[in-house]
Amino acid sequence: MSGVLFFFPLNLIQVQGYSATEAGGALLPLILLMFLLSRWSGGLLDRYGAKAPLVIGPIIAAAGFALFTRPRIGGSYWTTFFPAVLVLGLGWRLVLRHSPPP
């Protein structure tokens, strides 16, 4: 997870030519999605138990990581990076809510 939070903005700044503010804003959908879905994912734990979200969440997150392999240099954020950020945020929301404490 920390690799995406490090390498994604680094790619946006050094390869894609985004400013530091734009690169930070590119992660905003991920943060908002995790914030807005926190209550919903808590309800999943009560309804289905921890097993289903802990199996489905990493699969969705893996699809989000796979979507990060599609973008090329110079593509539009909305068509290249935004879908990957959304899918990854949804997968993380399921996994992070139900993971046992360390």
PDB file of N, CA and C in Angstrom:
ATOM      1  N   MET A   1       0.832  -1.193   0.000  1.00  0.00           N
ATOM      2  CA  MET A   1       0.000   0.000   0.000  1.00  0.00           C
ATOM      3  C   MET A   1       0.872   1.251   0.000  1.00  0.00           C
ATOM      4  N   SER A   2       1.929   1.228   0.793  1.00  0.00           N
ATOM      5  CA  SER A   2       2.753   2.427   0.866  1.00  0.00           C
ATOM      6  C   SER A   2       3.481   2.675  -0.451  1.00  0.00           C
ATOM      7  N   GLY A   3       3.703   1.619  -1.233  1.00  0.00           N
ATOM      8  CA  GLY A   3       4.342   1.803  -2.532  1.00  0.00           C
ATOM      9  C   GLY A   3       3.517   2.678  -3.456  1.00  0.00           C
ATOM     10  N   VAL A   4       2.201   2.494  -3.458  1.00  0.00           N
ATOM     11  CA  VAL A   4       1.325   3.324  -4.292  1.00  0.00           C
ATOM     12  C   VAL A   4       1.356   4.771  -3.802  1.00  0.00           C
ATOM     13  N   LEU A   5       1.326   4.953  -2.509  1.00  0.00           N
ATOM     14  CA  LEU A   5       1.311   6.306  -1.968  1.00  0.00           C
ATOM     15  C   LEU A   5       2.636   7.031  -2.191  1.00  0.00           C
ATOM     16  N   PHE A   6       3.705   6.283  -2.464  1.00  0.00           N
ATOM     17  CA  PHE A   6       4.990   6.903  -2.781  1.00  0.00           C
ATOM     18  C   PHE A   6       5.210   7.019  -4.284  1.00  0.00           C
ATOM     19  N   PHE A   7       5.052   5.895  -5.004  1.00  0.00           N
ATOM     20  CA  PHE A   7       5.405   5.881  -6.415  1.00  0.00           C
ATOM     21  C   PHE A   7       4.380   6.545  -7.328  1.00  0.00           C
ATOM     22  N   PHE A   8       3.108   6.531  -6.955  1.00  0.00           N
ATOM     23  CA  PHE A   8       2.095   7.176  -7.804  1.00  0.00           C
ATOM     24  C   PHE A   8       2.315   8.687  -7.892  1.00  0.00           C
ATOM     25  N   PRO A   9       2.443   9.417  -6.771  1.00  0.00           N
ATOM     26  CA  PRO A   9       2.742  10.848  -6.900  1.00  0.00           C
ATOM     27  C   PRO A   9       4.097  11.107  -7.558  1.00  0.00           C
ATOM     28  N   LEU A  10       5.070  10.241  -7.294  1.00  0.00           N
ATOM     29  CA  LEU A  10       6.378  10.399  -7.927  1.00  0.00           C
ATOM     30  C   LEU A  10       6.260  10.285  -9.446  1.00  0.00           C
ATOM     31  N   ASN A  11       5.476   9.331  -9.917  1.00  0.00           N
ATOM     32  CA  ASN A  11       5.223   9.184 -11.349  1.00  0.00           C
ATOM     33  C   ASN A  11       4.521  10.422 -11.893  1.00  0.00           C
ATOM     34  N   LEU A  12       3.512  10.889 -11.174  1.00  0.00           N
ATOM     35  CA  LEU A  12       2.774  12.052 -11.667  1.00  0.00           C
ATOM     36  C   LEU A  12       3.667  13.280 -11.779  1.00  0.00           C
ATOM     37  N   ILE A  13       4.561  13.471 -10.818  1.00  0.00           N
ATOM     38  CA  ILE A  13       5.410  14.664 -10.823  1.00  0.00           C
ATOM     39  C   ILE A  13       6.549  14.538 -11.831  1.00  0.00           C
ATOM     40  N   GLN A  14       7.304  13.437 -11.771  1.00  0.00           N
ATOM     41  CA  GLN A  14       8.509  13.335 -12.582  1.00  0.00           C
ATOM     42  C   GLN A  14       8.262  12.850 -14.008  1.00  0.00           C
ATOM     43  N   VAL A  15       7.266  12.017 -14.214  1.00  0.00           N
ATOM     44  CA  VAL A  15       7.041  11.455 -15.549  1.00  0.00           C
ATOM     45  C   VAL A  15       5.923  12.193 -16.275  1.00  0.00           C
ATOM     46  N   GLN A  16       4.798  12.401 -15.580  1.00  0.00           N
ATOM     47  CA  GLN A  16       3.629  12.999 -16.222  1.00  0.00           C
ATOM     48  C   GLN A  16       3.673  14.528 -16.254  1.00  0.00           C
ATOM     49  N   GLY A  17       4.527  15.144 -15.435  1.00  0.00           N
ATOM     50  CA  GLY A  17       4.663  16.599 -15.448  1.00  0.00           C
ATOM     51  C   GLY A  17       3.660  17.342 -14.588  1.00  0.00           C
ATOM     52  N   TYR A  18       3.043  16.678 -13.614  1.00  0.00           N
ATOM     53  CA  TYR A  18       2.101  17.341 -12.711  1.00  0.00           C
ATOM     54  C   TYR A  18       2.880  18.159 -11.685  1.00  0.00           C
ATOM     55  N   SER A  19       2.242  19.181 -11.148  1.00  0.00           N
ATOM     56  CA  SER A  19       2.837  19.904 -10.020  1.00  0.00           C
ATOM     57  C   SER A  19       2.618  19.066  -8.759  1.00  0.00           C
ATOM     58  N   ALA A  20       3.289  19.440  -7.671  1.00  0.00           N
ATOM     59  CA  ALA A  20       3.132  18.701  -6.419  1.00  0.00           C
ATOM     60  C   ALA A  20       1.699  18.803  -5.900  1.00  0.00           C
ATOM     61  N   THR A  21       1.072  19.935  -6.073  1.00  0.00           N
ATOM     62  CA  THR A  21      -0.318  20.113  -5.642  1.00  0.00           C
ATOM     63  C   THR A  21      -1.253  19.246  -6.461  1.00  0.00           C
ATOM     64  N   GLU A  22      -1.047  19.190  -7.762  1.00  0.00           N
ATOM     65  CA  GLU A  22      -1.880  18.349  -8.616  1.00  0.00           C
ATOM     66  C   GLU A  22      -1.697  16.865  -8.286  1.00  0.00           C
ATOM     67  N   ALA A  23      -0.466  16.470  -7.989  1.00  0.00           N
ATOM     68  CA  ALA A  23      -0.215  15.077  -7.636  1.00  0.00           C
ATOM     69  C   ALA A  23      -0.894  14.725  -6.313  1.00  0.00           C
ATOM     70  N   GLY A  24      -0.866  15.639  -5.362  1.00  0.00           N
ATOM     71  CA  GLY A  24      -1.579  15.402  -4.105  1.00  0.00           C
ATOM     72  C   GLY A  24      -3.078  15.347  -4.319  1.00  0.00           C
ATOM     73  N   GLY A  25      -3.585  16.205  -5.178  1.00  0.00           N
ATOM     74  CA  GLY A  25      -5.010  16.204  -5.489  1.00  0.00           C
ATOM     75  C   GLY A  25      -5.447  14.958  -6.236  1.00  0.00           C
ATOM     76  N   ALA A  26      -4.524  14.316  -6.933  1.00  0.00           N
ATOM     77  CA  ALA A  26      -4.854  13.096  -7.656  1.00  0.00           C
ATOM     78  C   ALA A  26      -5.219  11.959  -6.707  1.00  0.00           C
ATOM     79  N   LEU A  27      -4.717  12.010  -5.480  1.00  0.00           N
ATOM     80  CA  LEU A  27      -5.045  10.990  -4.482  1.00  0.00           C
ATOM     81  C   LEU A  27      -6.291  11.337  -3.680  1.00  0.00           C
ATOM     82  N   LEU A  28      -6.830  12.520  -3.892  1.00  0.00           N
ATOM     83  CA  LEU A  28      -8.012  12.945  -3.142  1.00  0.00           C
ATOM     84  C   LEU A  28      -9.214  12.009  -3.328  1.00  0.00           C
ATOM     85  N   PRO A  29      -9.503  11.498  -4.530  1.00  0.00           N
ATOM     86  CA  PRO A  29     -10.629  10.557  -4.650  1.00  0.00           C
ATOM     87  C   PRO A  29     -10.459   9.307  -3.784  1.00  0.00           C
ATOM     88  N   LEU A  30      -9.242   8.818  -3.654  1.00  0.00           N
ATOM     89  CA  LEU A  30      -8.987   7.659  -2.806  1.00  0.00           C
ATOM     90  C   LEU A  30      -9.316   7.978  -1.350  1.00  0.00           C
ATOM     91  N   ILE A  31      -8.884   9.125  -0.886  1.00  0.00           N
ATOM     92  CA  ILE A  31      -9.129   9.535   0.496  1.00  0.00           C
ATOM     93  C   ILE A  31     -10.615   9.755   0.737  1.00  0.00           C
ATOM     94  N   LEU A  32     -11.288  10.434  -0.173  1.00  0.00           N
ATOM     95  CA  LEU A  32     -12.722  10.686  -0.018  1.00  0.00           C
ATOM     96  C   LEU A  32     -13.526   9.396  -0.062  1.00  0.00           C
ATOM     97  N   LEU A  33     -13.152   8.485  -0.931  1.00  0.00           N
ATOM     98  CA  LEU A  33     -13.851   7.210  -1.018  1.00  0.00           C
ATOM     99  C   LEU A  33     -13.717   6.425   0.279  1.00  0.00           C
ATOM    100  N   MET A  34     -12.541   6.397   0.839  1.00  0.00           N
ATOM    101  CA  MET A  34     -12.348   5.685   2.096  1.00  0.00           C
ATOM    102  C   MET A  34     -13.126   6.349   3.228  1.00  0.00           C
ATOM    103  N   PHE A  35     -13.199   7.665   3.230  1.00  0.00           N
ATOM    104  CA  PHE A  35     -13.950   8.383   4.254  1.00  0.00           C
ATOM    105  C   PHE A  35     -15.452   8.137   4.111  1.00  0.00           C
ATOM    106  N   LEU A  36     -15.957   8.231   2.893  1.00  0.00           N
ATOM    107  CA  LEU A  36     -17.399   8.118   2.680  1.00  0.00           C
ATOM    108  C   LEU A  36     -17.919   6.690   2.840  1.00  0.00           C
ATOM    109  N   LEU A  37     -17.098   5.693   2.585  1.00  0.00           N
ATOM    110  CA  LEU A  37     -17.557   4.310   2.664  1.00  0.00           C
ATOM    111  C   LEU A  37     -17.240   3.631   4.001  1.00  0.00           C
ATOM    112  N   SER A  38     -16.728   4.367   4.957  1.00  0.00           N
ATOM    113  CA  SER A  38     -16.334   3.725   6.211  1.00  0.00           C
ATOM    114  C   SER A  38     -17.536   3.163   6.969  1.00  0.00           C
ATOM    115  N   ARG A  39     -18.636   3.873   7.001  1.00  0.00           N
ATOM    116  CA  ARG A  39     -19.820   3.370   7.694  1.00  0.00           C
ATOM    117  C   ARG A  39     -20.406   2.161   6.959  1.00  0.00           C
ATOM    118  N   TRP A  40     -20.416   2.228   5.643  1.00  0.00           N
ATOM    119  CA  TRP A  40     -20.939   1.121   4.834  1.00  0.00           C
ATOM    120  C   TRP A  40     -20.120  -0.137   5.050  1.00  0.00           C
ATOM    121  N   SER A  41     -18.799  -0.017   5.057  1.00  0.00           N
ATOM    122  CA  SER A  41     -17.973  -1.213   5.230  1.00  0.00           C
ATOM    123  C   SER A  41     -18.078  -1.764   6.650  1.00  0.00           C
ATOM    124  N   GLY A  42     -18.363  -0.912   7.616  1.00  0.00           N
ATOM    125  CA  GLY A  42     -18.610  -1.408   8.965  1.00  0.00           C
ATOM    126  C   GLY A  42     -19.878  -2.241   9.026  1.00  0.00           C
ATOM    127  N   GLY A  43     -20.883  -1.866   8.250  1.00  0.00           N
ATOM    128  CA  GLY A  43     -22.116  -2.644   8.175  1.00  0.00           C
ATOM    129  C   GLY A  43     -21.895  -4.004   7.538  1.00  0.00           C
ATOM    130  N   LEU A  44     -20.952  -4.087   6.613  1.00  0.00           N
ATOM    131  CA  LEU A  44     -20.641  -5.387   5.999  1.00  0.00           C
ATOM    132  C   LEU A  44     -20.096  -6.368   7.031  1.00  0.00           C
ATOM    133  N   LEU A  45     -19.307  -5.861   7.950  1.00  0.00           N
ATOM    134  CA  LEU A  45     -18.753  -6.729   8.983  1.00  0.00           C
ATOM    135  C   LEU A  45     -19.865  -7.303   9.855  1.00  0.00           C
ATOM    136  N   ASP A  46     -20.824  -6.470  10.210  1.00  0.00           N
ATOM    137  CA  ASP A  46     -21.939  -6.943  11.028  1.00  0.00           C
ATOM    138  C   ASP A  46     -22.819  -7.937  10.274  1.00  0.00           C
ATOM    139  N   ARG A  47     -23.010  -7.699   8.993  1.00  0.00           N
ATOM    140  CA  ARG A  47     -23.922  -8.521   8.205  1.00  0.00           C
ATOM    141  C   ARG A  47     -23.302  -9.837   7.748  1.00  0.00           C
ATOM    142  N   TYR A  48     -22.058  -9.805   7.259  1.00  0.00           N
ATOM    143  CA  TYR A  48     -21.459 -10.990   6.646  1.00  0.00           C
ATOM    144  C   TYR A  48     -20.293 -11.578   7.425  1.00  0.00           C
ATOM    145  N   GLY A  49     -19.834 -10.910   8.455  1.00  0.00           N
ATOM    146  CA  GLY A  49     -18.644 -11.362   9.162  1.00  0.00           C
ATOM    147  C   GLY A  49     -17.396 -10.826   8.472  1.00  0.00           C
ATOM    148  N   ALA A  50     -16.240 -11.183   8.994  1.00  0.00           N
ATOM    149  CA  ALA A  50     -14.984 -10.625   8.478  1.00  0.00           C
ATOM    150  C   ALA A  50     -14.431 -11.386   7.280  1.00  0.00           C
ATOM    151  N   LYS A  51     -14.826 -12.624   7.081  1.00  0.00           N
ATOM    152  CA  LYS A  51     -14.210 -13.448   6.038  1.00  0.00           C
ATOM    153  C   LYS A  51     -14.457 -12.911   4.637  1.00  0.00           C
ATOM    154  N   ALA A  52     -15.694 -12.611   4.302  1.00  0.00           N
ATOM    155  CA  ALA A  52     -16.024 -12.171   2.935  1.00  0.00           C
ATOM    156  C   ALA A  52     -15.306 -10.869   2.564  1.00  0.00           C
ATOM    157  N   PRO A  53     -15.359  -9.811   3.392  1.00  0.00           N
ATOM    158  CA  PRO A  53     -14.629  -8.592   3.013  1.00  0.00           C
ATOM    159  C   PRO A  53     -13.123  -8.795   2.924  1.00  0.00           C
ATOM    160  N   LEU A  54     -12.568  -9.686   3.757  1.00  0.00           N
ATOM    161  CA  LEU A  54     -11.123  -9.932   3.709  1.00  0.00           C
ATOM    162  C   LEU A  54     -10.711 -10.775   2.511  1.00  0.00           C
ATOM    163  N   VAL A  55     -11.652 -11.422   1.858  1.00  0.00           N
ATOM    164  CA  VAL A  55     -11.354 -12.158   0.632  1.00  0.00           C
ATOM    165  C   VAL A  55     -11.614 -11.275  -0.586  1.00  0.00           C
ATOM    166  N   ILE A  56     -12.737 -10.583  -0.586  1.00  0.00           N
ATOM    167  CA  ILE A  56     -13.129  -9.768  -1.738  1.00  0.00           C
ATOM    168  C   ILE A  56     -12.307  -8.480  -1.830  1.00  0.00           C
ATOM    169  N   GLY A  57     -12.005  -7.862  -0.701  1.00  0.00           N
ATOM    170  CA  GLY A  57     -11.256  -6.606  -0.690  1.00  0.00           C
ATOM    171  C   GLY A  57      -9.907  -6.691  -1.383  1.00  0.00           C
ATOM    172  N   PRO A  58      -9.059  -7.674  -1.066  1.00  0.00           N
ATOM    173  CA  PRO A  58      -7.779  -7.773  -1.764  1.00  0.00           C
ATOM    174  C   PRO A  58      -7.915  -8.063  -3.256  1.00  0.00           C
ATOM    175  N   ILE A  59      -8.971  -8.767  -3.648  1.00  0.00           N
ATOM    176  CA  ILE A  59      -9.187  -9.015  -5.076  1.00  0.00           C
ATOM    177  C   ILE A  59      -9.499  -7.700  -5.795  1.00  0.00           C
ATOM    178  N   ILE A  60     -10.339  -6.879  -5.187  1.00  0.00           N
ATOM    179  CA  ILE A  60     -10.659  -5.572  -5.775  1.00  0.00           C
ATOM    180  C   ILE A  60      -9.433  -4.679  -5.775  1.00  0.00           C
ATOM    181  N   ALA A  61      -8.670  -4.692  -4.678  1.00  0.00           N
ATOM    182  CA  ALA A  61      -7.445  -3.883  -4.618  1.00  0.00           C
ATOM    183  C   ALA A  61      -6.443  -4.338  -5.680  1.00  0.00           C
ATOM    184  N   ALA A  62      -6.346  -5.639  -5.920  1.00  0.00           N
ATOM    185  CA  ALA A  62      -5.450  -6.148  -6.957  1.00  0.00           C
ATOM    186  C   ALA A  62      -5.883  -5.664  -8.340  1.00  0.00           C
ATOM    187  N   ALA A  63      -7.194  -5.584  -8.557  1.00  0.00           N
ATOM    188  CA  ALA A  63      -7.686  -5.032  -9.826  1.00  0.00           C
ATOM    189  C   ALA A  63      -7.300  -3.558  -9.954  1.00  0.00           C
ATOM    190  N   GLY A  64      -7.344  -2.826  -8.839  1.00  0.00           N
ATOM    191  CA  GLY A  64      -6.911  -1.428  -8.856  1.00  0.00           C
ATOM    192  C   GLY A  64      -5.434  -1.305  -9.186  1.00  0.00           C
ATOM    193  N   PHE A  65      -4.602  -2.172  -8.579  1.00  0.00           N
ATOM    194  CA  PHE A  65      -3.174  -2.165  -8.908  1.00  0.00           C
ATOM    195  C   PHE A  65      -2.959  -2.502 -10.376  1.00  0.00           C
ATOM    196  N   ALA A  66      -3.735  -3.440 -10.901  1.00  0.00           N
ATOM    197  CA  ALA A  66      -3.609  -3.807 -12.313  1.00  0.00           C
ATOM    198  C   ALA A  66      -3.977  -2.639 -13.224  1.00  0.00           C
ATOM    199  N   LEU A  67      -4.956  -1.840 -12.816  1.00  0.00           N
ATOM    200  CA  LEU A  67      -5.337  -0.680 -13.631  1.00  0.00           C
ATOM    201  C   LEU A  67      -4.233   0.373 -13.680  1.00  0.00           C
ATOM    202  N   PHE A  68      -3.346   0.383 -12.696  1.00  0.00           N
ATOM    203  CA  PHE A  68      -2.226   1.328 -12.728  1.00  0.00           C
ATOM    204  C   PHE A  68      -1.210   0.964 -13.799  1.00  0.00           C
ATOM    205  N   THR A  69      -1.282  -0.216 -14.379  1.00  0.00           N
ATOM    206  CA  THR A  69      -0.344  -0.595 -15.435  1.00  0.00           C
ATOM    207  C   THR A  69      -0.768  -0.071 -16.801  1.00  0.00           C
ATOM    208  N   ARG A  70      -1.997   0.382 -16.944  1.00  0.00           N
ATOM    209  CA  ARG A  70      -2.530   0.850 -18.229  1.00  0.00           C
ATOM    210  C   ARG A  70      -2.028   2.213 -18.679  1.00  0.00           C
ATOM    211  N   PRO A  71      -1.889   3.214 -17.784  1.00  0.00           N
ATOM    212  CA  PRO A  71      -1.615   4.581 -18.246  1.00  0.00           C
ATOM    213  C   PRO A  71      -0.309   4.720 -19.018  1.00  0.00           C
ATOM    214  N   ARG A  72      -0.354   5.617 -19.957  1.00  0.00           N
ATOM    215  CA  ARG A  72       0.816   5.983 -20.744  1.00  0.00           C
ATOM    216  C   ARG A  72       1.188   7.420 -20.411  1.00  0.00           C
ATOM    217  N   ILE A  73       2.305   7.862 -20.887  1.00  0.00           N
ATOM    218  CA  ILE A  73       2.752   9.233 -20.652  1.00  0.00           C
ATOM    219  C   ILE A  73       1.856  10.190 -21.426  1.00  0.00           C
ATOM    220  N   GLY A  74       1.368  11.210 -20.743  1.00  0.00           N
ATOM    221  CA  GLY A  74       0.579  12.243 -21.380  1.00  0.00           C
ATOM    222  C   GLY A  74      -0.909  11.988 -21.458  1.00  0.00           C
ATOM    223  N   GLY A  75      -1.394  10.927 -20.895  1.00  0.00           N
ATOM    224  CA  GLY A  75      -2.829  10.649 -20.928  1.00  0.00           C
ATOM    225  C   GLY A  75      -3.587  11.527 -19.953  1.00  0.00           C
ATOM    226  N   SER A  76      -4.873  11.634 -20.142  1.00  0.00           N
ATOM    227  CA  SER A  76      -5.731  12.402 -19.256  1.00  0.00           C
ATOM    228  C   SER A  76      -5.865  11.684 -17.915  1.00  0.00           C
ATOM    229  N   TYR A  77      -5.856  12.434 -16.834  1.00  0.00           N
ATOM    230  CA  TYR A  77      -6.001  11.858 -15.501  1.00  0.00           C
ATOM    231  C   TYR A  77      -7.311  11.097 -15.379  1.00  0.00           C
ATOM    232  N   TRP A  78      -8.379  11.650 -15.923  1.00  0.00           N
ATOM    233  CA  TRP A  78      -9.720  11.072 -15.750  1.00  0.00           C
ATOM    234  C   TRP A  78      -9.888   9.746 -16.459  1.00  0.00           C
ATOM    235  N   THR A  79      -9.155   9.523 -17.528  1.00  0.00           N
ATOM    236  CA  THR A  79      -9.298   8.262 -18.252  1.00  0.00           C
ATOM    237  C   THR A  79      -8.177   7.273 -17.939  1.00  0.00           C
ATOM    238  N   THR A  80      -7.068   7.737 -17.383  1.00  0.00           N
ATOM    239  CA  THR A  80      -5.961   6.832 -17.122  1.00  0.00           C
ATOM    240  C   THR A  80      -5.808   6.480 -15.646  1.00  0.00           C
ATOM    241  N   PHE A  81      -5.715   7.475 -14.783  1.00  0.00           N
ATOM    242  CA  PHE A  81      -5.430   7.218 -13.377  1.00  0.00           C
ATOM    243  C   PHE A  81      -6.667   7.162 -12.491  1.00  0.00           C
ATOM    244  N   PHE A  82      -7.697   7.926 -12.817  1.00  0.00           N
ATOM    245  CA  PHE A  82      -8.884   8.000 -11.961  1.00  0.00           C
ATOM    246  C   PHE A  82      -9.560   6.645 -11.751  1.00  0.00           C
ATOM    247  N   PRO A  83      -9.771   5.825 -12.795  1.00  0.00           N
ATOM    248  CA  PRO A  83     -10.384   4.507 -12.543  1.00  0.00           C
ATOM    249  C   PRO A  83      -9.548   3.640 -11.605  1.00  0.00           C
ATOM    250  N   ALA A  84      -8.239   3.681 -11.754  1.00  0.00           N
ATOM    251  CA  ALA A  84      -7.366   2.893 -10.881  1.00  0.00           C
ATOM    252  C   ALA A  84      -7.462   3.361  -9.441  1.00  0.00           C
ATOM    253  N   VAL A  85      -7.497   4.668  -9.233  1.00  0.00           N
ATOM    254  CA  VAL A  85      -7.597   5.222  -7.882  1.00  0.00           C
ATOM    255  C   VAL A  85      -8.920   4.823  -7.243  1.00  0.00           C
ATOM    256  N   LEU A  86     -10.013   4.868  -8.000  1.00  0.00           N
ATOM    257  CA  LEU A  86     -11.319   4.491  -7.447  1.00  0.00           C
ATOM    258  C   LEU A  86     -11.387   3.009  -7.066  1.00  0.00           C
ATOM    259  N   VAL A  87     -10.942   2.147  -7.946  1.00  0.00           N
ATOM    260  CA  VAL A  87     -11.008   0.710  -7.666  1.00  0.00           C
ATOM    261  C   VAL A  87     -10.091   0.366  -6.491  1.00  0.00           C
ATOM    262  N   LEU A  88      -8.908   0.941  -6.457  1.00  0.00           N
ATOM    263  CA  LEU A  88      -7.991   0.694  -5.355  1.00  0.00           C
ATOM    264  C   LEU A  88      -8.568   1.187  -4.031  1.00  0.00           C
ATOM    265  N   GLY A  89      -9.193   2.352  -4.042  1.00  0.00           N
ATOM    266  CA  GLY A  89      -9.818   2.877  -2.826  1.00  0.00           C
ATOM    267  C   GLY A  89     -10.936   1.991  -2.313  1.00  0.00           C
ATOM    268  N   LEU A  90     -11.720   1.457  -3.214  1.00  0.00           N
ATOM    269  CA  LEU A  90     -12.793   0.550  -2.795  1.00  0.00           C
ATOM    270  C   LEU A  90     -12.221  -0.727  -2.176  1.00  0.00           C
ATOM    271  N   GLY A  91     -11.205  -1.289  -2.803  1.00  0.00           N
ATOM    272  CA  GLY A  91     -10.577  -2.487  -2.252  1.00  0.00           C
ATOM    273  C   GLY A  91      -9.931  -2.239  -0.907  1.00  0.00           C
ATOM    274  N   TRP A  92      -9.240  -1.110  -0.775  1.00  0.00           N
ATOM    275  CA  TRP A  92      -8.610  -0.769   0.501  1.00  0.00           C
ATOM    276  C   TRP A  92      -9.651  -0.555   1.587  1.00  0.00           C
ATOM    277  N   ARG A  93     -10.779   0.034   1.215  1.00  0.00           N
ATOM    278  CA  ARG A  93     -11.817   0.296   2.221  1.00  0.00           C
ATOM    279  C   ARG A  93     -12.321  -1.009   2.817  1.00  0.00           C
ATOM    280  N   LEU A  94     -12.483  -2.009   1.991  1.00  0.00           N
ATOM    281  CA  LEU A  94     -12.948  -3.306   2.501  1.00  0.00           C
ATOM    282  C   LEU A  94     -11.886  -3.974   3.364  1.00  0.00           C
ATOM    283  N   VAL A  95     -10.638  -3.913   2.941  1.00  0.00           N
ATOM    284  CA  VAL A  95      -9.560  -4.595   3.659  1.00  0.00           C
ATOM    285  C   VAL A  95      -9.204  -3.868   4.952  1.00  0.00           C
ATOM    286  N   LEU A  96      -9.013  -2.585   4.886  1.00  0.00           N
ATOM    287  CA  LEU A  96      -8.521  -1.854   6.047  1.00  0.00           C
ATOM    288  C   LEU A  96      -9.531  -1.802   7.175  1.00  0.00           C
ATOM    289  N   ARG A  97     -10.792  -1.835   6.876  1.00  0.00           N
ATOM    290  CA  ARG A  97     -11.812  -1.780   7.910  1.00  0.00           C
ATOM    291  C   ARG A  97     -11.849  -3.062   8.729  1.00  0.00           C
ATOM    292  N   HIS A  98     -11.524  -4.180   8.102  1.00  0.00           N
ATOM    293  CA  HIS A  98     -11.734  -5.469   8.751  1.00  0.00           C
ATOM    294  C   HIS A  98     -10.444  -6.159   9.178  1.00  0.00           C
ATOM    295  N   SER A  99      -9.319  -5.522   8.953  1.00  0.00           N
ATOM    296  CA  SER A  99      -8.074  -6.157   9.344  1.00  0.00           C
ATOM    297  C   SER A  99      -7.936  -6.151  10.862  1.00  0.00           C
ATOM    298  N   PRO A 100      -7.427  -7.229  11.420  1.00  0.00           N
ATOM    299  CA  PRO A 100      -7.246  -7.263  12.871  1.00  0.00           C
ATOM    300  C   PRO A 100      -6.137  -6.319  13.291  1.00  0.00           C
ATOM    301  N   PRO A 101      -6.214  -5.762  14.504  1.00  0.00           N
ATOM    302  CA  PRO A 101      -5.172  -4.857  14.958  1.00  0.00           C
ATOM    303  C   PRO A 101      -3.845  -5.587  15.128  1.00  0.00           C
ATOM    304  N   PRO A 102      -2.715  -4.863  14.954  1.00  0.00           N
ATOM    305  CA  PRO A 102      -1.409  -5.522  15.048  1.00  0.00           C
ATOM    306  C   PRO A 102      -1.102  -5.979  16.465  1.00  0.00           C
TER     307      PRO A 102
END
